[in-house]
Amino acid sequence: MSTPASRNGSTRAGDTDRIQVAQMLTDAAAQGRLELEEYEARLTKAYAAQTFDELDRLAADLPGIAAARSGPPRRRCCWRS
C-alpha cells in the first residue's frame, strides 16, 4: 500500500492493496493478535474494501502494523490511474 502522504484515503484501492492488507491480517492472526472470528470478519471486509480508508481501518489497531505499512509509494502501471 502507498504511504498516507502519497495518497488520499478516499482513493480507490486496488486488488494488490486488498491482498496486502489481507496478508497483514493473516500474519496478525497467526501471531495471536486476532481471534479467528475477528480475523474472518476483517478479511471479508478487506476483500470488499473499495478505498484506502476502509483498508486502513481494518489494521489500524494492530500493534506493529503501522510500521509495516509505511515505506516508499508504489509505482502504478501506466494504464492505471
PDB file of N, CA and C in Angstrom:
ATOM      1  N   MET A   1       0.840  -1.177   0.000  1.00  0.00           N
ATOM      2  CA  MET A   1       0.000   0.000   0.000  1.00  0.00           C
ATOM      3  C   MET A   1       0.871   1.221   0.000  1.00  0.00           C
ATOM      4  N   SER A   2       0.388   2.317  -0.510  1.00  0.00           N
ATOM      5  CA  SER A   2       1.134   3.558  -0.520  1.00  0.00           C
ATOM      6  C   SER A   2       1.148   4.187   0.861  1.00  0.00           C
ATOM      7  N   THR A   3       2.043   5.134   1.048  1.00  0.00           N
ATOM      8  CA  THR A   3       2.105   5.824   2.324  1.00  0.00           C
ATOM      9  C   THR A   3       0.981   6.843   2.404  1.00  0.00           C
ATOM     10  N   PRO A   4       0.529   7.199   3.604  1.00  0.00           N
ATOM     11  CA  PRO A   4      -0.548   8.165   3.747  1.00  0.00           C
ATOM     12  C   PRO A   4      -0.241   9.496   3.076  1.00  0.00           C
ATOM     13  N   ALA A   5       1.006   9.930   3.074  1.00  0.00           N
ATOM     14  CA  ALA A   5       1.354  11.214   2.476  1.00  0.00           C
ATOM     15  C   ALA A   5       1.219  11.196   0.959  1.00  0.00           C
ATOM     16  N   SER A   6       1.266  10.019   0.351  1.00  0.00           N
ATOM     17  CA  SER A   6       1.260   9.948  -1.098  1.00  0.00           C
ATOM     18  C   SER A   6      -0.118   9.677  -1.692  1.00  0.00           C
ATOM     19  N   ARG A   7      -1.123   9.535  -0.872  1.00  0.00           N
ATOM     20  CA  ARG A   7      -2.456   9.232  -1.388  1.00  0.00           C
ATOM     21  C   ARG A   7      -3.530   9.790  -0.479  1.00  0.00           C
ATOM     22  N   ASN A   8      -4.686   9.932  -1.049  1.00  0.00           N
ATOM     23  CA  ASN A   8      -5.860  10.375  -0.313  1.00  0.00           C
ATOM     24  C   ASN A   8      -6.592   9.116   0.140  1.00  0.00           C
ATOM     25  N   GLY A   9      -7.077   9.108   1.383  1.00  0.00           N
ATOM     26  CA  GLY A   9      -7.747   7.932   1.926  1.00  0.00           C
ATOM     27  C   GLY A   9      -8.990   7.523   1.166  1.00  0.00           C
ATOM     28  N   SER A  10      -9.611   8.457   0.468  1.00  0.00           N
ATOM     29  CA  SER A  10     -10.828   8.117  -0.263  1.00  0.00           C
ATOM     30  C   SER A  10     -10.514   7.614  -1.673  1.00  0.00           C
ATOM     31  N   THR A  11      -9.243   7.504  -2.010  1.00  0.00           N
ATOM     32  CA  THR A  11      -8.837   6.974  -3.302  1.00  0.00           C
ATOM     33  C   THR A  11      -9.165   5.491  -3.366  1.00  0.00           C
ATOM     34  N   ARG A  12      -9.583   5.047  -4.527  1.00  0.00           N
ATOM     35  CA  ARG A  12      -9.912   3.627  -4.701  1.00  0.00           C
ATOM     36  C   ARG A  12      -8.683   2.761  -4.514  1.00  0.00           C
ATOM     37  N   ALA A  13      -8.854   1.696  -3.780  1.00  0.00           N
ATOM     38  CA  ALA A  13      -7.787   0.724  -3.561  1.00  0.00           C
ATOM     39  C   ALA A  13      -7.846  -0.327  -4.664  1.00  0.00           C
ATOM     40  N   GLY A  14      -6.705  -0.885  -4.967  1.00  0.00           N
ATOM     41  CA  GLY A  14      -6.632  -1.931  -5.983  1.00  0.00           C
ATOM     42  C   GLY A  14      -6.572  -3.309  -5.366  1.00  0.00           C
ATOM     43  N   ASP A  15      -6.615  -4.316  -6.211  1.00  0.00           N
ATOM     44  CA  ASP A  15      -6.548  -5.694  -5.735  1.00  0.00           C
ATOM     45  C   ASP A  15      -5.273  -5.953  -4.942  1.00  0.00           C
ATOM     46  N   THR A  16      -4.162  -5.416  -5.399  1.00  0.00           N
ATOM     47  CA  THR A  16      -2.890  -5.613  -4.713  1.00  0.00           C
ATOM     48  C   THR A  16      -2.941  -5.031  -3.309  1.00  0.00           C
ATOM     49  N   ASP A  17      -3.586  -3.882  -3.148  1.00  0.00           N
ATOM     50  CA  ASP A  17      -3.720  -3.250  -1.837  1.00  0.00           C
ATOM     51  C   ASP A  17      -4.567  -4.107  -0.911  1.00  0.00           C
ATOM     52  N   ARG A  18      -5.650  -4.666  -1.434  1.00  0.00           N
ATOM     53  CA  ARG A  18      -6.509  -5.540  -0.635  1.00  0.00           C
ATOM     54  C   ARG A  18      -5.756  -6.806  -0.215  1.00  0.00           C
ATOM     55  N   ILE A  19      -4.984  -7.366  -1.129  1.00  0.00           N
ATOM     56  CA  ILE A  19      -4.217  -8.571  -0.830  1.00  0.00           C
ATOM     57  C   ILE A  19      -3.153  -8.282   0.228  1.00  0.00           C
ATOM     58  N   GLN A  20      -2.529  -7.125   0.146  1.00  0.00           N
ATOM     59  CA  GLN A  20      -1.505  -6.763   1.127  1.00  0.00           C
ATOM     60  C   GLN A  20      -2.106  -6.660   2.533  1.00  0.00           C
ATOM     61  N   VAL A  21      -3.262  -6.035   2.657  1.00  0.00           N
ATOM     62  CA  VAL A  21      -3.916  -5.928   3.963  1.00  0.00           C
ATOM     63  C   VAL A  21      -4.362  -7.311   4.435  1.00  0.00           C
ATOM     64  N   ALA A  22      -4.864  -8.125   3.532  1.00  0.00           N
ATOM     65  CA  ALA A  22      -5.265  -9.488   3.901  1.00  0.00           C
ATOM     66  C   ALA A  22      -4.066 -10.259   4.457  1.00  0.00           C
ATOM     67  N   GLN A  23      -2.890 -10.079   3.867  1.00  0.00           N
ATOM     68  CA  GLN A  23      -1.692 -10.754   4.359  1.00  0.00           C
ATOM     69  C   GLN A  23      -1.309 -10.235   5.745  1.00  0.00           C
ATOM     70  N   MET A  24      -1.440  -8.920   5.966  1.00  0.00           N
ATOM     71  CA  MET A  24      -1.159  -8.361   7.291  1.00  0.00           C
ATOM     72  C   MET A  24      -2.100  -8.941   8.335  1.00  0.00           C
ATOM     73  N   LEU A  25      -3.369  -9.071   7.979  1.00  0.00           N
ATOM     74  CA  LEU A  25      -4.345  -9.645   8.903  1.00  0.00           C
ATOM     75  C   LEU A  25      -4.036 -11.118   9.174  1.00  0.00           C
ATOM     76  N   THR A  26      -3.630 -11.842   8.147  1.00  0.00           N
ATOM     77  CA  THR A  26      -3.260 -13.249   8.307  1.00  0.00           C
ATOM     78  C   THR A  26      -2.066 -13.384   9.248  1.00  0.00           C
ATOM     79  N   ASP A  27      -1.073 -12.524   9.060  1.00  0.00           N
ATOM     80  CA  ASP A  27       0.096 -12.540   9.941  1.00  0.00           C
ATOM     81  C   ASP A  27      -0.302 -12.244  11.383  1.00  0.00           C
ATOM     82  N   ALA A  28      -1.174 -11.246  11.560  1.00  0.00           N
ATOM     83  CA  ALA A  28      -1.620 -10.886  12.912  1.00  0.00           C
ATOM     84  C   ALA A  28      -2.374 -12.042  13.563  1.00  0.00           C
ATOM     85  N   ALA A  29      -3.204 -12.728  12.801  1.00  0.00           N
ATOM     86  CA  ALA A  29      -3.939 -13.873  13.347  1.00  0.00           C
ATOM     87  C   ALA A  29      -2.982 -15.002  13.711  1.00  0.00           C
ATOM     88  N   ALA A  30      -1.985 -15.224  12.868  1.00  0.00           N
ATOM     89  CA  ALA A  30      -1.008 -16.283  13.141  1.00  0.00           C
ATOM     90  C   ALA A  30      -0.198 -15.983  14.396  1.00  0.00           C
ATOM     91  N   GLN A  31      -0.018 -14.693  14.687  1.00  0.00           N
ATOM     92  CA  GLN A  31       0.733 -14.283  15.880  1.00  0.00           C
ATOM     93  C   GLN A  31      -0.155 -14.187  17.111  1.00  0.00           C
ATOM     94  N   GLY A  32      -1.437 -14.484  16.953  1.00  0.00           N
ATOM     95  CA  GLY A  32      -2.355 -14.455  18.089  1.00  0.00           C
ATOM     96  C   GLY A  32      -2.908 -13.080  18.410  1.00  0.00           C
ATOM     97  N   ARG A  33      -2.748 -12.137  17.501  1.00  0.00           N
ATOM     98  CA  ARG A  33      -3.261 -10.774  17.738  1.00  0.00           C
ATOM     99  C   ARG A  33      -4.739 -10.646  17.408  1.00  0.00           C
ATOM    100  N   LEU A  34      -5.263 -11.578  16.641  1.00  0.00           N
ATOM    101  CA  LEU A  34      -6.686 -11.591  16.287  1.00  0.00           C
ATOM    102  C   LEU A  34      -7.269 -12.964  16.558  1.00  0.00           C
ATOM    103  N   GLU A  35      -8.447 -12.988  17.129  1.00  0.00           N
ATOM    104  CA  GLU A  35      -9.185 -14.246  17.286  1.00  0.00           C
ATOM    105  C   GLU A  35      -9.691 -14.658  15.905  1.00  0.00           C
ATOM    106  N   LEU A  36      -9.976 -15.928  15.723  1.00  0.00           N
ATOM    107  CA  LEU A  36     -10.397 -16.450  14.428  1.00  0.00           C
ATOM    108  C   LEU A  36     -11.629 -15.724  13.874  1.00  0.00           C
ATOM    109  N   GLU A  37     -12.643 -15.514  14.705  1.00  0.00           N
ATOM    110  CA  GLU A  37     -13.868 -14.845  14.233  1.00  0.00           C
ATOM    111  C   GLU A  37     -13.590 -13.413  13.786  1.00  0.00           C
ATOM    112  N   GLU A  38     -12.766 -12.695  14.551  1.00  0.00           N
ATOM    113  CA  GLU A  38     -12.408 -11.316  14.198  1.00  0.00           C
ATOM    114  C   GLU A  38     -11.587 -11.298  12.908  1.00  0.00           C
ATOM    115  N   TYR A  39     -10.667 -12.226  12.794  1.00  0.00           N
ATOM    116  CA  TYR A  39      -9.847 -12.341  11.582  1.00  0.00           C
ATOM    117  C   TYR A  39     -10.727 -12.573  10.353  1.00  0.00           C
ATOM    118  N   GLU A  40     -11.651 -13.504  10.447  1.00  0.00           N
ATOM    119  CA  GLU A  40     -12.526 -13.800   9.316  1.00  0.00           C
ATOM    120  C   GLU A  40     -13.378 -12.602   8.930  1.00  0.00           C
ATOM    121  N   ALA A  41     -13.891 -11.887   9.931  1.00  0.00           N
ATOM    122  CA  ALA A  41     -14.714 -10.704   9.656  1.00  0.00           C
ATOM    123  C   ALA A  41     -13.895  -9.613   8.968  1.00  0.00           C
ATOM    124  N   ARG A  42     -12.692  -9.379   9.472  1.00  0.00           N
ATOM    125  CA  ARG A  42     -11.835  -8.341   8.868  1.00  0.00           C
ATOM    126  C   ARG A  42     -11.374  -8.748   7.476  1.00  0.00           C
ATOM    127  N   LEU A  43     -11.088 -10.017   7.284  1.00  0.00           N
ATOM    128  CA  LEU A  43     -10.652 -10.500   5.984  1.00  0.00           C
ATOM    129  C   LEU A  43     -11.752 -10.302   4.938  1.00  0.00           C
ATOM    130  N   THR A  44     -12.974 -10.606   5.319  1.00  0.00           N
ATOM    131  CA  THR A  44     -14.109 -10.392   4.415  1.00  0.00           C
ATOM    132  C   THR A  44     -14.220  -8.915   4.040  1.00  0.00           C
ATOM    133  N   LYS A  45     -14.069  -8.038   5.039  1.00  0.00           N
ATOM    134  CA  LYS A  45     -14.132  -6.598   4.785  1.00  0.00           C
ATOM    135  C   LYS A  45     -12.967  -6.124   3.927  1.00  0.00           C
ATOM    136  N   ALA A  46     -11.799  -6.717   4.123  1.00  0.00           N
ATOM    137  CA  ALA A  46     -10.620  -6.321   3.335  1.00  0.00           C
ATOM    138  C   ALA A  46     -10.850  -6.602   1.849  1.00  0.00           C
ATOM    139  N   TYR A  47     -11.374  -7.773   1.538  1.00  0.00           N
ATOM    140  CA  TYR A  47     -11.597  -8.112   0.132  1.00  0.00           C
ATOM    141  C   TYR A  47     -12.762  -7.330  -0.482  1.00  0.00           C
ATOM    142  N   ALA A  48     -13.639  -6.774   0.352  1.00  0.00           N
ATOM    143  CA  ALA A  48     -14.760  -5.978  -0.150  1.00  0.00           C
ATOM    144  C   ALA A  48     -14.446  -4.481  -0.155  1.00  0.00           C
ATOM    145  N   ALA A  49     -13.334  -4.088   0.439  1.00  0.00           N
ATOM    146  CA  ALA A  49     -12.996  -2.663   0.564  1.00  0.00           C
ATOM    147  C   ALA A  49     -12.836  -2.011  -0.808  1.00  0.00           C
ATOM    148  N   GLN A  50     -13.314  -0.786  -0.882  1.00  0.00           N
ATOM    149  CA  GLN A  50     -13.205  -0.021  -2.121  1.00  0.00           C
ATOM    150  C   GLN A  50     -12.142   1.082  -2.033  1.00  0.00           C
ATOM    151  N   THR A  51     -11.894   1.589  -0.818  1.00  0.00           N
ATOM    152  CA  THR A  51     -10.975   2.722  -0.654  1.00  0.00           C
ATOM    153  C   THR A  51      -9.846   2.390   0.324  1.00  0.00           C
ATOM    154  N   PHE A  52      -8.808   3.223   0.297  1.00  0.00           N
ATOM    155  CA  PHE A  52      -7.706   3.065   1.239  1.00  0.00           C
ATOM    156  C   PHE A  52      -8.173   3.301   2.668  1.00  0.00           C
ATOM    157  N   ASP A  53      -9.111   4.219   2.875  1.00  0.00           N
ATOM    158  CA  ASP A  53      -9.651   4.453   4.224  1.00  0.00           C
ATOM    159  C   ASP A  53     -10.211   3.165   4.815  1.00  0.00           C
ATOM    160  N   GLU A  54     -10.982   2.450   4.028  1.00  0.00           N
ATOM    161  CA  GLU A  54     -11.575   1.199   4.507  1.00  0.00           C
ATOM    162  C   GLU A  54     -10.486   0.191   4.876  1.00  0.00           C
ATOM    163  N   LEU A  55      -9.469   0.092   4.051  1.00  0.00           N
ATOM    164  CA  LEU A  55      -8.375  -0.839   4.334  1.00  0.00           C
ATOM    165  C   LEU A  55      -7.584  -0.415   5.566  1.00  0.00           C
ATOM    166  N   ASP A  56      -7.310   0.866   5.684  1.00  0.00           N
ATOM    167  CA  ASP A  56      -6.530   1.368   6.823  1.00  0.00           C
ATOM    168  C   ASP A  56      -7.228   1.080   8.148  1.00  0.00           C
ATOM    169  N   ARG A  57      -8.538   1.211   8.185  1.00  0.00           N
ATOM    170  CA  ARG A  57      -9.287   0.979   9.433  1.00  0.00           C
ATOM    171  C   ARG A  57      -9.215  -0.476   9.890  1.00  0.00           C
ATOM    172  N   LEU A  58      -9.018  -1.399   8.961  1.00  0.00           N
ATOM    173  CA  LEU A  58      -9.014  -2.823   9.308  1.00  0.00           C
ATOM    174  C   LEU A  58      -7.783  -3.249  10.104  1.00  0.00           C
ATOM    175  N   ALA A  59      -6.681  -2.524   9.944  1.00  0.00           N
ATOM    176  CA  ALA A  59      -5.452  -2.931  10.624  1.00  0.00           C
ATOM    177  C   ALA A  59      -4.908  -1.842  11.546  1.00  0.00           C
ATOM    178  N   ALA A  60      -5.605  -0.738  11.678  1.00  0.00           N
ATOM    179  CA  ALA A  60      -5.098   0.409  12.440  1.00  0.00           C
ATOM    180  C   ALA A  60      -4.842   0.091  13.911  1.00  0.00           C
ATOM    181  N   ASP A  61      -5.589  -0.822  14.492  1.00  0.00           N
ATOM    182  CA  ASP A  61      -5.448  -1.110  15.919  1.00  0.00           C
ATOM    183  C   ASP A  61      -4.491  -2.264  16.218  1.00  0.00           C
ATOM    184  N   LEU A  62      -3.853  -2.794  15.203  1.00  0.00           N
ATOM    185  CA  LEU A  62      -2.946  -3.915  15.411  1.00  0.00           C
ATOM    186  C   LEU A  62      -1.527  -3.411  15.645  1.00  0.00           C
ATOM    187  N   PRO A  63      -0.892  -3.826  16.737  1.00  0.00           N
ATOM    188  CA  PRO A  63       0.470  -3.375  17.029  1.00  0.00           C
ATOM    189  C   PRO A  63       1.449  -3.806  15.939  1.00  0.00           C
ATOM    190  N   GLY A  64       2.326  -2.885  15.554  1.00  0.00           N
ATOM    191  CA  GLY A  64       3.352  -3.204  14.572  1.00  0.00           C
ATOM    192  C   GLY A  64       2.918  -3.076  13.130  1.00  0.00           C
ATOM    193  N   ILE A  65       1.633  -2.893  12.887  1.00  0.00           N
ATOM    194  CA  ILE A  65       1.148  -2.813  11.509  1.00  0.00           C
ATOM    195  C   ILE A  65       1.495  -1.471  10.879  1.00  0.00           C
ATOM    196  N   ALA A  66       1.415  -0.392  11.638  1.00  0.00           N
ATOM    197  CA  ALA A  66       1.702   0.936  11.087  1.00  0.00           C
ATOM    198  C   ALA A  66       3.106   0.989  10.505  1.00  0.00           C
ATOM    199  N   ALA A  67       4.075   0.388  11.168  1.00  0.00           N
ATOM    200  CA  ALA A  67       5.443   0.390  10.669  1.00  0.00           C
ATOM    201  C   ALA A  67       5.546  -0.418   9.378  1.00  0.00           C
ATOM    202  N   ALA A  68       4.807  -1.505   9.293  1.00  0.00           N
ATOM    203  CA  ALA A  68       4.851  -2.342   8.098  1.00  0.00           C
ATOM    204  C   ALA A  68       4.203  -1.661   6.903  1.00  0.00           C
ATOM    205  N   ARG A  69       3.236  -0.771   7.151  1.00  0.00           N
ATOM    206  CA  ARG A  69       2.533  -0.102   6.060  1.00  0.00           C
ATOM    207  C   ARG A  69       3.312   1.067   5.505  1.00  0.00           C
ATOM    208  N   SER A  70       4.257   1.609   6.266  1.00  0.00           N
ATOM    209  CA  SER A  70       4.989   2.764   5.774  1.00  0.00           C
ATOM    210  C   SER A  70       6.050   2.319   4.780  1.00  0.00           C
ATOM    211  N   GLY A  71       6.539   3.250   4.017  1.00  0.00           N
ATOM    212  CA  GLY A  71       7.559   2.958   3.028  1.00  0.00           C
ATOM    213  C   GLY A  71       7.323   3.797   1.803  1.00  0.00           C
ATOM    214  N   PRO A  72       8.150   3.627   0.809  1.00  0.00           N
ATOM    215  CA  PRO A  72       8.000   4.446  -0.392  1.00  0.00           C
ATOM    216  C   PRO A  72       6.714   4.112  -1.133  1.00  0.00           C
ATOM    217  N   PRO A  73       6.122   5.095  -1.797  1.00  0.00           N
ATOM    218  CA  PRO A  73       4.901   4.827  -2.553  1.00  0.00           C
ATOM    219  C   PRO A  73       5.183   3.837  -3.679  1.00  0.00           C
ATOM    220  N   ARG A  74       4.228   2.994  -3.939  1.00  0.00           N
ATOM    221  CA  ARG A  74       4.369   2.040  -5.032  1.00  0.00           C
ATOM    222  C   ARG A  74       4.080   2.717  -6.338  1.00  0.00           C
ATOM    223  N   ARG A  75       4.797   2.338  -7.362  1.00  0.00           N
ATOM    224  CA  ARG A  75       4.546   2.862  -8.696  1.00  0.00           C
ATOM    225  C   ARG A  75       3.402   2.104  -9.317  1.00  0.00           C
ATOM    226  N   ARG A  76       2.535   2.838  -9.944  1.00  0.00           N
ATOM    227  CA  ARG A  76       1.426   2.191 -10.637  1.00  0.00           C
ATOM    228  C   ARG A  76       1.750   2.097 -12.116  1.00  0.00           C
ATOM    229  N   CYS A  77       1.231   1.105 -12.730  1.00  0.00           N
ATOM    230  CA  CYS A  77       1.442   0.907 -14.153  1.00  0.00           C
ATOM    231  C   CYS A  77       0.829   2.050 -14.954  1.00  0.00           C
ATOM    232  N   CYS A  78       1.338   2.266 -16.122  1.00  0.00           N
ATOM    233  CA  CYS A  78       0.906   3.392 -16.962  1.00  0.00           C
ATOM    234  C   CYS A  78      -0.571   3.321 -17.356  1.00  0.00           C
ATOM    235  N   TRP A  79      -1.171   2.149 -17.385  1.00  0.00           N
ATOM    236  CA  TRP A  79      -2.562   2.032 -17.800  1.00  0.00           C
ATOM    237  C   TRP A  79      -3.529   2.205 -16.665  1.00  0.00           C
ATOM    238  N   ARG A  80      -3.041   2.329 -15.421  1.00  0.00           N
ATOM    239  CA  ARG A  80      -3.912   2.551 -14.270  1.00  0.00           C
ATOM    240  C   ARG A  80      -3.727   3.957 -13.769  1.00  0.00           C
ATOM    241  N   SER A  81      -4.791   4.574 -13.368  1.00  0.00           N
ATOM    242  CA  SER A  81      -4.663   5.923 -12.813  1.00  0.00           C
ATOM    243  C   SER A  81      -4.976   5.944 -11.361  1.00  0.00           C
TER     244      SER A  81
END
